[in-house]
Amino acid sequence: MSPDDRYYITTSIAYANNRPGLHTLYEVIGADVLARWHRMKGDRTRFLTGIDEHSVNIAQRAAELGMTPKAFVDENVALFKAAEDALLIRPDRFIRTTDPDHVRAAQEMVRRAYASGDIYVGDYEGWYCPAEGFKTPSDVIETAQGTRCPNHPTVDLQWLSEHNWFLRLSAYQERLEKYFDEHPDFVQPDFRRNEMLGFIRGGLEDFSISRSGASWGIPFPIMPDGSSAQLADGSWNPAAGTIYVWYDALINYVTGAGFPDDREAFAQWWPADLHVIGKDIARFHSIYWPAMLWSAGLEAPRRVWVHGWLLAQGERMSKSLGNFLDPLDVVRTLGSDGARYVTLREVPFDRDADVSWDSFVRRYNADLANNYGNLVNRTVSMVNRYFGGERPSRSRGALSQKWADALPAYSDKLQACQLSEALAELWGVVDAANQFVDSVQPWALAKAMKAGDEAAGAQLRAALGDLVEACRLIALAAAPFMPTAAPRTLAQLGYDYPYGPDGTGGPALLEELRWGAHDGQPGRLTTAEPLFPRLETEAETPAAG
């Protein structure tokens, strides 16, 4: 497998401490779109997402409920999988940090770092956020409620004094600066890259990679004297502690590529082409993670994309604040395709955005019901009415030129992870097609044709042929965003949909997206059926609690 025909994309893994909100799955929807795009283009694609199960707050919450941590996370993992299924998210693997191969991978990364001389035993004293991890003095804020983590302001911090293992992050400062310089696209968007580079230049401190006294986590495989922590019976010495949750969590990306068990798979899939993450964990992925990989003798990922947050009236959506949207409620109202579309259209993939239930409903009605759905419906209805359902041949008029201009821009936006902007490019063609209907006035041409005007009949056939072709192309191009609308649209247009439920199995998409790709192929349209029924009233905001 050459690096040019494969694509390995990952998301961060969410804590399994509660059911997911739409804001939690936002990046997973986006990554699924990118994975589908690459699959449909013909790239051999691997898409990884999953769950981080070893945080302190998970163990605390499980204890409060009288459950074991594993039983607690099993329940929440089922909720995550149900939500992802409802949103048509199709990863090649859903990884859990309790998976046996991940335990082996995390312990092997520790051993390699030790062999490299990059970890040592030291003392840690400072703040610890149960929802995130160790915090430096610059990473906390003082509030009326006391010292807080800015990312989790409702969580009480713990003051810890521990004897832990540390990774020599400071030893990689020069190499990180050089890597950022030689790979200007490593962290994107650019302003996030500049933030990370500024942090590096401010001086890097070694960070803890173990926890003392914690029982919920992957056993640390090395004792303080360098000997193995594994006992004769195969169990692990609890005195060695556990691997720090963030060190453990980051390693899931190499586990998902086959490390350390499947060397052939790992050689094929690593380094990752793209990590999709939130802005609050950018340092871990763009600074700590490369150093961890280099310490283990592995390559850094090729690219890290940092997205912003979904806001509700200026505040970050969160389960603790109760201001989030339940993905299952959104799907029940807007459908899977509608939920995917409005989330990625309303929220730019590179920055924060304020959203609401009303804004989602308005976007759904405007873009999907009134615009795209109406275009397909009126096109199919007119072909059935004026030509008995026989699919007319397309021409090379204004719509073909509009498509020729839009497709490269759409593709470029997807490649650049500008998902909202990519949809804007595509919906520019939807707008142009609807304007084309209004300007050509097929109903007037049909009336003239019926009166015997052969020129009007030829013009009508060409116009409807162009509209059918525009609908075919828009549906296929939008398929990564709206996987079920595409086959439904093509079926109404009399075409087969050649791709599987995850986007695999069909011809190279860019060839299918050529105007006139199916010239000369006869066909008949079916009965027009609404793709996106309009929500006649502003739906009541679903409860988040």
Protein backbone atom coordinates (compact mmCIF):
# COMPACT_ATOMS: atom_id res chain seq x y z
CA MET A 1 0.00 0.00 0.00
CA SER A 2 1.54 3.29 -1.05
CA PRO A 3 1.04 6.42 1.06
CA ASP A 4 -0.74 8.03 -1.90
CA ASP A 5 -3.73 5.69 -2.04
CA ARG A 6 -4.51 5.23 1.64
CA TYR A 7 -6.04 7.55 4.18
CA TYR A 8 -6.01 7.07 7.95
CA ILE A 9 -8.22 9.49 9.87
CA THR A 10 -8.98 9.57 13.59
CA THR A 11 -11.01 11.57 16.07
CA SER A 12 -10.21 12.17 19.70
CA ILE A 13 -11.78 9.62 22.04
CA ALA A 14 -14.44 10.94 24.39
CA TYR A 15 -14.74 10.19 28.09
CA ALA A 16 -17.41 7.55 28.73
CA ASN A 17 -18.68 9.33 31.84
CA ASN A 18 -22.15 10.17 30.48
CA ARG A 19 -24.28 9.85 27.38
CA PRO A 20 -22.98 11.94 24.46
CA GLY A 21 -24.25 15.33 23.39
CA LEU A 22 -24.27 16.51 19.79
CA HIS A 23 -21.27 18.72 20.64
CA THR A 24 -19.36 15.58 21.65
CA LEU A 25 -20.05 13.90 18.31
CA TYR A 26 -19.60 17.00 16.14
CA GLU A 27 -16.01 16.13 15.21
CA VAL A 28 -16.96 12.47 14.68
CA ILE A 29 -19.63 13.48 12.13
CA GLY A 30 -17.05 15.65 10.37
CA ALA A 31 -14.45 12.89 10.34
CA ASP A 32 -17.03 10.43 9.02
CA VAL A 33 -17.71 12.82 6.12
CA LEU A 34 -14.01 12.97 5.29
CA ALA A 35 -13.65 9.20 5.56
CA ARG A 36 -16.62 8.65 3.23
CA TRP A 37 -15.21 11.18 0.74
CA HIS A 38 -11.92 9.29 0.58
CA ARG A 39 -13.60 5.89 0.36
CA MET A 40 -15.80 7.07 -2.51
CA LYS A 41 -12.78 8.53 -4.29
CA GLY A 42 -11.20 5.09 -4.18
CA ASP A 43 -8.64 5.63 -1.43
CA ARG A 44 -8.11 2.72 0.94
CA THR A 45 -9.41 4.38 4.06
CA ARG A 46 -9.27 3.63 7.77
CA PHE A 47 -11.43 5.63 10.16
CA LEU A 48 -10.92 5.32 13.91
CA THR A 49 -13.02 6.69 16.73
CA GLY A 50 -13.84 5.43 20.19
CA ILE A 51 -13.95 5.94 23.93
CA ASP A 52 -11.48 6.87 26.68
CA GLU A 53 -12.41 4.83 29.74
CA HIS A 54 -9.67 5.48 32.30
CA SER A 55 -10.32 8.97 33.64
CA VAL A 56 -10.53 9.57 37.40
CA ASN A 57 -14.03 11.02 37.15
CA ILE A 58 -15.26 7.75 35.61
CA ALA A 59 -13.99 5.78 38.62
CA GLN A 60 -15.53 8.36 40.96
CA ARG A 61 -18.91 8.34 39.24
CA ALA A 62 -19.01 4.54 39.13
CA ALA A 63 -18.32 4.40 42.87
CA GLU A 64 -21.12 6.89 43.53
CA LEU A 65 -23.50 4.59 41.65
CA GLY A 66 -22.23 1.45 43.38
CA MET A 67 -20.88 0.04 40.11
CA THR A 68 -17.52 -1.18 38.94
CA PRO A 69 -15.83 1.26 36.51
CA LYS A 70 -16.02 -1.33 33.72
CA ALA A 71 -19.76 -1.92 34.18
CA PHE A 72 -20.31 1.85 34.24
CA VAL A 73 -18.40 2.49 31.02
CA ASP A 74 -20.02 -0.49 29.30
CA GLU A 75 -23.41 1.21 29.75
CA ASN A 76 -22.16 4.54 28.40
CA VAL A 77 -20.28 2.99 25.50
CA ALA A 78 -23.59 1.49 24.40
CA LEU A 79 -25.11 4.99 24.45
CA PHE A 80 -22.26 6.38 22.33
CA LYS A 81 -22.59 3.57 19.82
CA ALA A 82 -26.35 4.06 19.59
CA ALA A 83 -25.91 7.78 18.93
CA GLU A 84 -23.22 7.17 16.32
CA ASP A 85 -25.39 4.56 14.60
CA ALA A 86 -28.28 7.03 14.48
CA LEU A 87 -25.98 9.60 12.87
CA LEU A 88 -24.79 7.03 10.30
CA ILE A 89 -21.21 7.20 11.56
CA ARG A 90 -19.32 4.22 10.17
CA PRO A 91 -15.82 3.83 11.66
CA ASP A 92 -13.61 0.94 10.63
CA ARG A 93 -12.94 0.48 14.32
CA PHE A 94 -14.54 1.79 17.47
CA ILE A 95 -11.69 1.54 19.95
CA ARG A 96 -11.95 1.30 23.73
CA THR A 97 -8.96 1.94 25.96
CA THR A 98 -9.84 -1.23 27.86
CA ASP A 99 -9.31 -3.29 24.69
CA PRO A 100 -6.54 -5.86 25.28
CA ASP A 101 -4.48 -4.79 22.27
CA HIS A 102 -4.57 -1.19 23.48
CA VAL A 103 -3.32 -2.23 26.91
CA ARG A 104 -0.41 -3.97 25.20
CA ALA A 105 0.24 -0.93 22.99
CA ALA A 106 0.28 1.53 25.91
CA GLN A 107 2.66 -0.65 27.91
CA GLU A 108 4.94 -1.11 24.90
CA MET A 109 5.10 2.67 24.39
CA VAL A 110 6.20 3.03 28.01
CA ARG A 111 8.87 0.38 27.59
CA ARG A 112 10.21 2.05 24.45
CA ALA A 113 10.35 5.44 26.14
CA TYR A 114 12.27 3.83 29.02
CA ALA A 115 14.68 2.15 26.60
CA SER A 116 15.27 5.53 24.96
CA GLY A 117 16.17 7.07 28.31
CA ASP A 118 13.25 9.48 27.97
CA ILE A 119 11.36 8.69 31.17
CA TYR A 120 12.45 9.05 34.78
CA VAL A 121 10.98 8.94 38.27
CA GLY A 122 10.26 12.27 39.94
CA ASP A 123 7.87 14.10 42.24
CA TYR A 124 4.75 15.93 41.10
CA GLU A 125 2.91 18.50 43.16
CA GLY A 126 0.12 20.60 41.75
CA TRP A 127 -3.46 20.72 40.55
CA TYR A 128 -5.22 17.77 38.93
CA CYS A 129 -8.50 18.06 37.03
CA PRO A 130 -10.44 14.76 37.28
CA ALA A 131 -11.99 15.51 33.87
CA GLU A 132 -8.73 16.34 32.11
CA GLY A 133 -5.54 15.67 34.08
CA PHE A 134 -2.51 17.43 35.49
CA LYS A 135 -2.60 21.24 35.22
CA THR A 136 0.32 23.66 35.19
CA PRO A 137 -0.09 27.00 37.02
CA SER A 138 -0.76 28.73 33.70
CA ASP A 139 -3.54 26.25 32.90
CA VAL A 140 -5.84 27.14 35.81
CA ILE A 141 -7.97 30.17 36.62
CA GLU A 142 -9.07 31.71 39.89
CA THR A 143 -12.83 32.08 40.29
CA ALA A 144 -15.23 32.90 43.10
CA GLN A 145 -15.60 29.14 43.57
CA GLY A 146 -11.83 28.68 43.86
CA THR A 147 -9.15 27.41 41.50
CA ARG A 148 -10.68 25.89 38.37
CA CYS A 149 -9.75 24.28 35.06
CA PRO A 150 -11.05 26.66 32.36
CA ASN A 151 -12.30 23.72 30.29
CA HIS A 152 -14.26 22.22 33.22
CA PRO A 153 -15.24 25.14 35.48
CA THR A 154 -17.77 23.10 37.47
CA VAL A 155 -15.28 20.38 38.42
CA ASP A 156 -13.43 20.63 41.74
CA LEU A 157 -9.66 20.38 41.26
CA GLN A 158 -7.51 18.12 43.41
CA TRP A 159 -4.14 19.15 44.85
CA LEU A 160 -1.81 16.19 44.36
CA SER A 161 1.62 15.26 45.63
CA GLU A 162 2.78 12.08 43.90
CA HIS A 163 5.92 10.13 43.06
CA ASN A 164 5.50 9.56 39.32
CA TRP A 165 7.23 8.76 36.07
CA PHE A 166 7.91 11.75 33.79
CA LEU A 167 8.56 12.04 30.05
CA ARG A 168 11.43 14.32 29.06
CA LEU A 169 9.31 16.61 26.90
CA SER A 170 11.90 19.35 27.37
CA ALA A 171 14.42 17.24 25.45
CA TYR A 172 12.23 17.50 22.33
CA GLN A 173 11.83 21.28 22.22
CA GLU A 174 14.31 21.85 19.40
CA ARG A 175 13.01 18.92 17.38
CA LEU A 176 9.42 20.12 17.75
CA GLU A 177 10.31 23.64 16.63
CA LYS A 178 12.11 22.19 13.61
CA TYR A 179 9.20 19.90 12.79
CA PHE A 180 6.72 22.78 12.89
CA ASP A 181 9.04 24.79 10.65
CA GLU A 182 9.52 22.00 8.12
CA HIS A 183 5.85 20.94 8.13
CA PRO A 184 3.81 24.17 8.04
CA ASP A 185 0.57 22.20 7.53
CA PHE A 186 1.16 19.94 10.53
CA VAL A 187 -1.29 21.85 12.73
CA GLN A 188 -4.22 23.59 11.08
CA PRO A 189 -5.86 26.10 10.93
CA ASP A 190 -2.83 28.41 10.86
CA PHE A 191 -3.84 30.39 13.93
CA ARG A 192 -3.89 27.17 15.95
CA ARG A 193 -0.44 26.31 14.61
CA ASN A 194 0.81 29.69 15.75
CA GLU A 195 -0.67 29.14 19.22
CA MET A 196 1.10 25.80 19.55
CA LEU A 197 4.39 27.15 18.22
CA GLY A 198 4.21 29.99 20.72
CA PHE A 199 3.68 27.50 23.52
CA ILE A 200 6.71 25.49 22.42
CA ARG A 201 8.91 28.57 22.22
CA GLY A 202 7.84 29.53 25.72
CA GLY A 203 9.71 26.50 27.02
CA LEU A 204 8.52 22.93 27.51
CA GLU A 205 8.31 21.16 30.84
CA ASP A 206 8.50 17.42 31.40
CA PHE A 207 5.11 15.87 32.18
CA SER A 208 3.90 13.03 34.31
CA ILE A 209 2.95 9.78 32.56
CA SER A 210 1.88 7.72 35.59
CA ARG A 211 -0.48 7.86 38.58
CA SER A 212 0.33 6.53 42.00
CA GLY A 213 -2.27 4.59 43.93
CA ALA A 214 -4.87 4.57 41.15
CA SER A 215 -6.38 1.17 40.45
CA TRP A 216 -8.58 2.10 37.46
CA GLY A 217 -6.19 2.34 34.53
CA ILE A 218 -3.62 0.42 32.53
CA PRO A 219 -0.94 -1.01 34.85
CA PHE A 220 2.39 0.79 34.56
CA PRO A 221 4.74 -1.93 33.30
CA ILE A 222 7.98 -0.77 34.98
CA MET A 223 8.95 -0.50 38.64
CA PRO A 224 10.91 2.55 39.89
CA ASP A 225 14.15 0.53 39.77
CA GLY A 226 13.58 -0.30 36.08
CA SER A 227 12.50 -3.90 36.61
CA SER A 228 9.30 -5.33 35.16
CA ALA A 229 6.14 -4.70 37.16
CA GLN A 230 4.64 -7.97 35.98
CA LEU A 231 4.47 -10.64 38.67
CA ALA A 232 5.12 -14.34 38.26
CA ASP A 233 1.40 -15.11 37.91
CA GLY A 234 1.04 -12.59 35.06
CA SER A 235 -0.66 -9.91 37.15
CA TRP A 236 0.78 -6.47 37.72
CA ASN A 237 2.32 -5.07 40.87
CA PRO A 238 -0.08 -2.34 42.09
CA ALA A 239 2.89 -0.48 43.61
CA ALA A 240 3.92 0.46 40.05
CA GLY A 241 0.74 2.54 39.63
CA THR A 242 -1.11 3.09 36.38
CA ILE A 243 -0.37 4.85 33.11
CA TYR A 244 -1.58 8.46 33.18
CA VAL A 245 -4.90 8.72 31.34
CA TRP A 246 -3.69 11.18 28.69
CA TYR A 247 -0.59 9.14 27.88
CA ASP A 248 -2.83 6.09 27.60
CA ALA A 249 -5.49 7.86 25.53
CA LEU A 250 -3.20 9.29 22.86
CA ILE A 251 -1.76 5.86 22.16
CA ASN A 252 -5.12 4.66 20.82
CA TYR A 253 -4.17 6.09 17.42
CA VAL A 254 -1.28 3.66 16.97
CA THR A 255 -3.25 0.81 18.51
CA GLY A 256 -5.91 1.39 15.85
CA ALA A 257 -3.25 1.11 13.15
CA GLY A 258 -1.99 -2.26 14.41
CA PHE A 259 0.72 -1.38 16.93
CA PRO A 260 2.39 -3.40 18.35
CA ASP A 261 0.81 -6.72 17.33
CA ASP A 262 0.36 -6.40 13.56
CA ARG A 263 3.54 -5.00 12.07
CA GLU A 264 2.31 -5.31 8.50
CA ALA A 265 -0.88 -3.35 9.19
CA PHE A 266 1.04 -0.73 11.16
CA ALA A 267 3.50 -0.25 8.30
CA GLN A 268 0.55 0.28 5.97
CA TRP A 269 -1.48 2.71 8.07
CA TRP A 270 0.96 4.73 10.15
CA PRO A 271 1.56 7.68 10.26
CA ALA A 272 -1.99 8.92 10.50
CA ASP A 273 -3.01 11.32 7.75
CA LEU A 274 -5.30 13.36 9.98
CA HIS A 275 -6.17 13.68 13.67
CA VAL A 276 -9.43 15.63 14.15
CA ILE A 277 -9.53 17.14 17.65
CA GLY A 278 -11.00 19.97 19.74
CA LYS A 279 -9.10 23.12 20.61
CA ASP A 280 -8.92 22.28 24.33
CA ILE A 281 -6.66 19.28 23.64
CA ALA A 282 -4.44 20.79 20.94
CA ARG A 283 -1.29 20.76 23.10
CA PHE A 284 -1.60 17.06 23.84
CA HIS A 285 -1.91 16.17 20.16
CA SER A 286 0.50 18.59 18.54
CA ILE A 287 3.26 18.76 21.20
CA TYR A 288 3.08 15.86 23.69
CA TRP A 289 2.04 13.24 21.14
CA PRO A 290 4.88 13.77 18.61
CA ALA A 291 7.40 13.62 21.45
CA MET A 292 5.85 10.37 22.71
CA LEU A 293 6.06 8.88 19.23
CA TRP A 294 9.64 9.96 18.63
CA SER A 295 10.64 8.58 22.00
CA ALA A 296 9.22 5.22 20.86
CA GLY A 297 11.00 5.40 17.50
CA LEU A 298 7.80 6.14 15.55
CA GLU A 299 6.79 8.88 13.11
CA ALA A 300 4.63 11.85 14.04
CA PRO A 301 1.17 12.16 12.44
CA ARG A 302 1.02 14.09 9.19
CA ARG A 303 -1.66 16.58 10.17
CA VAL A 304 -3.72 17.72 13.15
CA TRP A 305 -6.96 19.61 12.54
CA VAL A 306 -8.19 21.68 15.49
CA HIS A 307 -11.88 22.58 15.55
CA GLY A 308 -13.76 24.91 17.87
CA TRP A 309 -16.71 24.44 20.18
CA LEU A 310 -20.46 24.48 19.82
CA LEU A 311 -21.76 27.35 21.94
CA ALA A 312 -25.19 27.97 23.42
CA GLN A 313 -25.73 31.70 23.97
CA GLY A 314 -21.99 32.23 24.18
CA GLU A 315 -21.28 29.34 26.57
CA ARG A 316 -19.62 26.09 25.60
CA MET A 317 -22.14 23.28 25.30
CA SER A 318 -21.57 20.69 28.00
CA LYS A 319 -23.38 17.91 29.77
CA SER A 320 -22.53 19.40 33.17
CA LEU A 321 -24.23 22.70 32.29
CA GLY A 322 -27.19 20.96 30.68
CA ASN A 323 -27.14 23.27 27.64
CA PHE A 324 -26.47 20.60 25.05
CA LEU A 325 -28.51 18.98 22.28
CA ASP A 326 -29.25 15.27 22.44
CA PRO A 327 -28.20 13.71 19.11
CA LEU A 328 -31.04 11.21 19.18
CA ASP A 329 -33.59 14.02 19.54
CA VAL A 330 -32.00 15.87 16.63
CA VAL A 331 -32.12 12.74 14.46
CA ARG A 332 -35.74 12.04 15.42
CA THR A 333 -36.75 15.48 14.19
CA LEU A 334 -34.41 16.15 11.26
CA GLY A 335 -33.50 12.62 10.19
CA SER A 336 -29.95 11.28 10.08
CA ASP A 337 -29.02 13.19 6.94
CA GLY A 338 -30.65 16.37 8.17
CA ALA A 339 -28.86 16.18 11.52
CA ARG A 340 -25.50 15.64 9.83
CA TYR A 341 -26.07 18.45 7.33
CA VAL A 342 -27.26 21.17 9.70
CA THR A 343 -24.56 20.43 12.28
CA LEU A 344 -21.73 20.77 9.77
CA ARG A 345 -23.35 23.65 7.86
CA GLU A 346 -24.17 25.74 10.93
CA VAL A 347 -20.80 25.24 12.65
CA PRO A 348 -17.61 26.19 10.79
CA PHE A 349 -15.09 23.39 11.28
CA ASP A 350 -12.31 25.74 12.35
CA ARG A 351 -13.80 27.93 15.10
CA ASP A 352 -16.48 28.35 17.75
CA ALA A 353 -20.08 28.93 16.71
CA ASP A 354 -23.27 29.74 18.60
CA VAL A 355 -26.08 27.37 17.62
CA SER A 356 -29.58 26.62 18.80
CA TRP A 357 -32.44 24.29 18.10
CA ASP A 358 -34.20 27.07 16.21
CA SER A 359 -31.15 27.74 14.04
CA PHE A 360 -30.98 24.04 13.15
CA VAL A 361 -34.66 23.94 12.17
CA ARG A 362 -34.33 27.12 10.09
CA ARG A 363 -31.28 25.73 8.29
CA TYR A 364 -33.05 22.43 7.64
CA ASN A 365 -36.11 24.12 6.17
CA ALA A 366 -34.18 26.64 4.10
CA ASP A 367 -31.43 24.43 2.65
CA LEU A 368 -32.92 20.95 2.59
CA ALA A 369 -36.71 21.24 2.40
CA ASN A 370 -37.13 24.46 0.41
CA ASN A 371 -33.97 24.42 -1.68
CA TYR A 372 -32.43 21.01 -2.39
CA GLY A 373 -35.48 18.85 -1.74
CA ASN A 374 -37.68 21.18 -3.78
CA LEU A 375 -35.21 21.14 -6.69
CA VAL A 376 -35.24 17.35 -6.92
CA ASN A 377 -39.01 17.17 -6.46
CA ARG A 378 -39.84 19.72 -9.15
CA THR A 379 -37.29 18.22 -11.57
CA VAL A 380 -38.65 14.69 -11.21
CA SER A 381 -42.26 15.91 -11.36
CA MET A 382 -41.68 17.90 -14.55
CA VAL A 383 -39.91 15.05 -16.36
CA ASN A 384 -42.79 12.75 -15.45
CA ARG A 385 -45.39 15.31 -16.46
CA TYR A 386 -43.86 16.46 -19.75
CA PHE A 387 -42.00 13.38 -21.01
CA GLY A 388 -43.74 10.47 -19.32
CA GLY A 389 -40.76 9.82 -17.06
CA GLU A 390 -38.27 9.21 -19.90
CA ARG A 391 -34.93 10.66 -18.78
CA PRO A 392 -33.87 13.45 -21.17
CA SER A 393 -30.26 13.88 -22.32
CA ARG A 394 -28.30 16.73 -20.83
CA SER A 395 -26.72 19.62 -22.77
CA ARG A 396 -23.71 21.79 -22.03
CA GLY A 397 -25.41 24.97 -20.97
CA ALA A 398 -25.01 27.33 -18.03
CA LEU A 399 -25.47 24.64 -15.39
CA SER A 400 -22.61 22.57 -16.78
CA GLN A 401 -20.27 25.53 -16.46
CA LYS A 402 -21.51 26.24 -12.95
CA TRP A 403 -20.70 22.65 -12.03
CA ALA A 404 -17.27 22.81 -13.68
CA ASP A 405 -16.44 25.79 -11.48
CA ALA A 406 -17.96 24.43 -8.26
CA LEU A 407 -16.57 20.89 -8.18
CA PRO A 408 -12.86 21.81 -7.81
CA ALA A 409 -13.73 24.37 -5.14
CA TYR A 410 -15.86 21.81 -3.28
CA SER A 411 -13.09 19.22 -3.44
CA ASP A 412 -10.47 21.71 -2.27
CA LYS A 413 -12.61 22.77 0.68
CA LEU A 414 -13.04 19.16 1.75
CA GLN A 415 -9.31 18.54 1.47
CA ALA A 416 -8.77 21.62 3.64
CA CYS A 417 -11.32 20.40 6.26
CA GLN A 418 -13.50 23.45 5.58
CA LEU A 419 -16.69 21.44 5.71
CA SER A 420 -19.21 24.26 6.10
CA GLU A 421 -17.58 26.13 3.23
CA ALA A 422 -17.60 22.97 1.09
CA LEU A 423 -21.35 22.69 1.56
CA ALA A 424 -21.71 26.37 0.67
CA GLU A 425 -19.95 25.69 -2.63
CA LEU A 426 -22.26 22.79 -3.38
CA TRP A 427 -25.39 24.69 -2.41
CA GLY A 428 -24.31 27.42 -4.80
CA VAL A 429 -25.10 24.88 -7.53
CA VAL A 430 -28.45 24.11 -5.89
CA ASP A 431 -29.25 27.82 -5.95
CA ALA A 432 -28.15 28.11 -9.58
CA ALA A 433 -30.31 25.14 -10.58
CA ASN A 434 -33.39 26.61 -8.89
CA GLN A 435 -32.73 29.97 -10.56
CA PHE A 436 -32.35 28.12 -13.87
CA VAL A 437 -35.84 26.66 -13.45
CA ASP A 438 -37.29 30.09 -12.80
CA SER A 439 -35.52 31.68 -15.78
CA VAL A 440 -36.22 28.90 -18.31
CA GLN A 441 -39.83 28.41 -17.17
CA PRO A 442 -40.30 24.80 -18.30
CA TRP A 443 -44.06 25.10 -17.86
CA ALA A 444 -44.17 27.79 -20.54
CA LEU A 445 -41.98 25.72 -22.88
CA ALA A 446 -44.24 22.72 -22.28
CA LYS A 447 -47.28 24.74 -23.22
CA ALA A 448 -45.58 25.86 -26.44
CA MET A 449 -44.47 22.29 -27.18
CA LYS A 450 -48.00 21.05 -26.75
CA ALA A 451 -49.10 23.68 -29.27
CA GLY A 452 -46.65 22.25 -31.81
CA ASP A 453 -43.52 24.35 -31.26
CA GLU A 454 -40.72 21.83 -31.90
CA ALA A 455 -37.97 24.27 -30.90
CA ALA A 456 -39.65 24.80 -27.54
CA GLY A 457 -39.84 21.04 -27.10
CA ALA A 458 -36.13 20.64 -27.81
CA GLN A 459 -35.32 23.46 -25.42
CA LEU A 460 -37.49 21.88 -22.72
CA ARG A 461 -35.85 18.49 -23.15
CA ALA A 462 -32.38 20.00 -22.88
CA ALA A 463 -33.30 22.08 -19.85
CA LEU A 464 -34.80 19.15 -17.97
CA GLY A 465 -31.85 16.98 -18.99
CA ASP A 466 -29.52 19.53 -17.42
CA LEU A 467 -31.62 19.64 -14.24
CA VAL A 468 -31.59 15.87 -13.94
CA GLU A 469 -27.81 15.87 -14.38
CA ALA A 470 -27.38 18.65 -11.81
CA CYS A 471 -29.51 16.71 -9.31
CA ARG A 472 -27.47 13.54 -9.93
CA LEU A 473 -24.17 15.33 -9.39
CA ILE A 474 -25.28 17.27 -6.31
CA ALA A 475 -26.63 14.10 -4.70
CA LEU A 476 -23.40 12.18 -5.32
CA ALA A 477 -21.15 15.02 -4.18
CA ALA A 478 -23.24 15.49 -1.02
CA ALA A 479 -23.30 11.76 -0.26
CA PRO A 480 -20.49 11.94 2.33
CA PHE A 481 -22.63 14.45 4.25
CA MET A 482 -26.02 12.86 3.51
CA PRO A 483 -25.46 9.15 2.88
CA THR A 484 -29.11 8.09 2.55
CA ALA A 485 -30.37 11.07 0.52
CA ALA A 486 -27.97 10.21 -2.32
CA PRO A 487 -29.37 6.74 -3.17
CA ARG A 488 -32.94 8.01 -2.71
CA THR A 489 -32.29 10.87 -5.12
CA LEU A 490 -30.58 8.70 -7.71
CA ALA A 491 -33.40 6.17 -7.56
CA GLN A 492 -35.92 8.90 -8.40
CA LEU A 493 -33.67 9.95 -11.31
CA GLY A 494 -33.54 6.38 -12.63
CA TYR A 495 -29.93 5.67 -11.66
CA ASP A 496 -28.40 2.96 -9.54
CA TYR A 497 -26.39 4.03 -6.50
CA PRO A 498 -23.14 2.03 -6.69
CA TYR A 499 -21.71 2.63 -3.20
CA GLY A 500 -22.15 0.69 0.00
CA PRO A 501 -23.57 2.04 3.28
CA ASP A 502 -20.11 3.31 4.32
CA GLY A 503 -19.18 4.70 0.89
CA THR A 504 -17.12 1.75 -0.31
CA GLY A 505 -17.47 -0.46 -3.36
CA GLY A 506 -18.31 1.94 -6.15
CA PRO A 507 -16.36 3.53 -9.00
CA ALA A 508 -13.97 6.42 -8.39
CA LEU A 509 -16.22 9.28 -7.32
CA LEU A 510 -14.46 12.03 -9.24
CA GLU A 511 -15.20 10.18 -12.47
CA GLU A 512 -18.84 9.86 -11.47
CA LEU A 513 -18.88 13.60 -10.76
CA ARG A 514 -18.01 14.47 -14.36
CA TRP A 515 -20.82 16.31 -16.13
CA GLY A 516 -22.33 13.87 -18.60
CA ALA A 517 -20.59 10.81 -17.13
CA HIS A 518 -23.60 8.66 -18.09
CA ASP A 519 -24.33 10.14 -21.51
CA GLY A 520 -26.37 7.82 -23.69
CA GLN A 521 -27.55 5.65 -20.81
CA PRO A 522 -31.34 5.39 -21.12
CA GLY A 523 -33.52 5.43 -18.05
CA ARG A 524 -36.85 6.32 -16.58
CA LEU A 525 -37.57 8.43 -13.54
CA THR A 526 -39.76 7.15 -10.75
CA THR A 527 -42.49 8.96 -8.86
CA ALA A 528 -41.35 12.10 -7.04
CA GLU A 529 -41.10 11.58 -3.29
CA PRO A 530 -40.14 14.32 -0.80
CA LEU A 531 -36.58 13.92 0.44
CA PHE A 532 -36.80 16.40 3.29
CA PRO A 533 -40.37 17.16 4.39
CA ARG A 534 -40.65 20.69 5.65
CA LEU A 535 -41.10 21.18 9.39
CA GLU A 536 -44.28 23.24 9.26
CA THR A 537 -43.90 24.59 12.78
CA GLU A 538 -40.84 25.46 14.78
CA ALA A 539 -40.39 22.24 16.71
CA GLU A 540 -40.24 22.48 20.46
CA THR A 541 -36.69 22.45 21.73
CA PRO A 542 -35.94 18.90 22.93
CA ALA A 543 -34.93 18.54 26.55
CA ALA A 544 -31.21 18.16 27.11
CA GLY A 545 -31.43 16.68 30.59
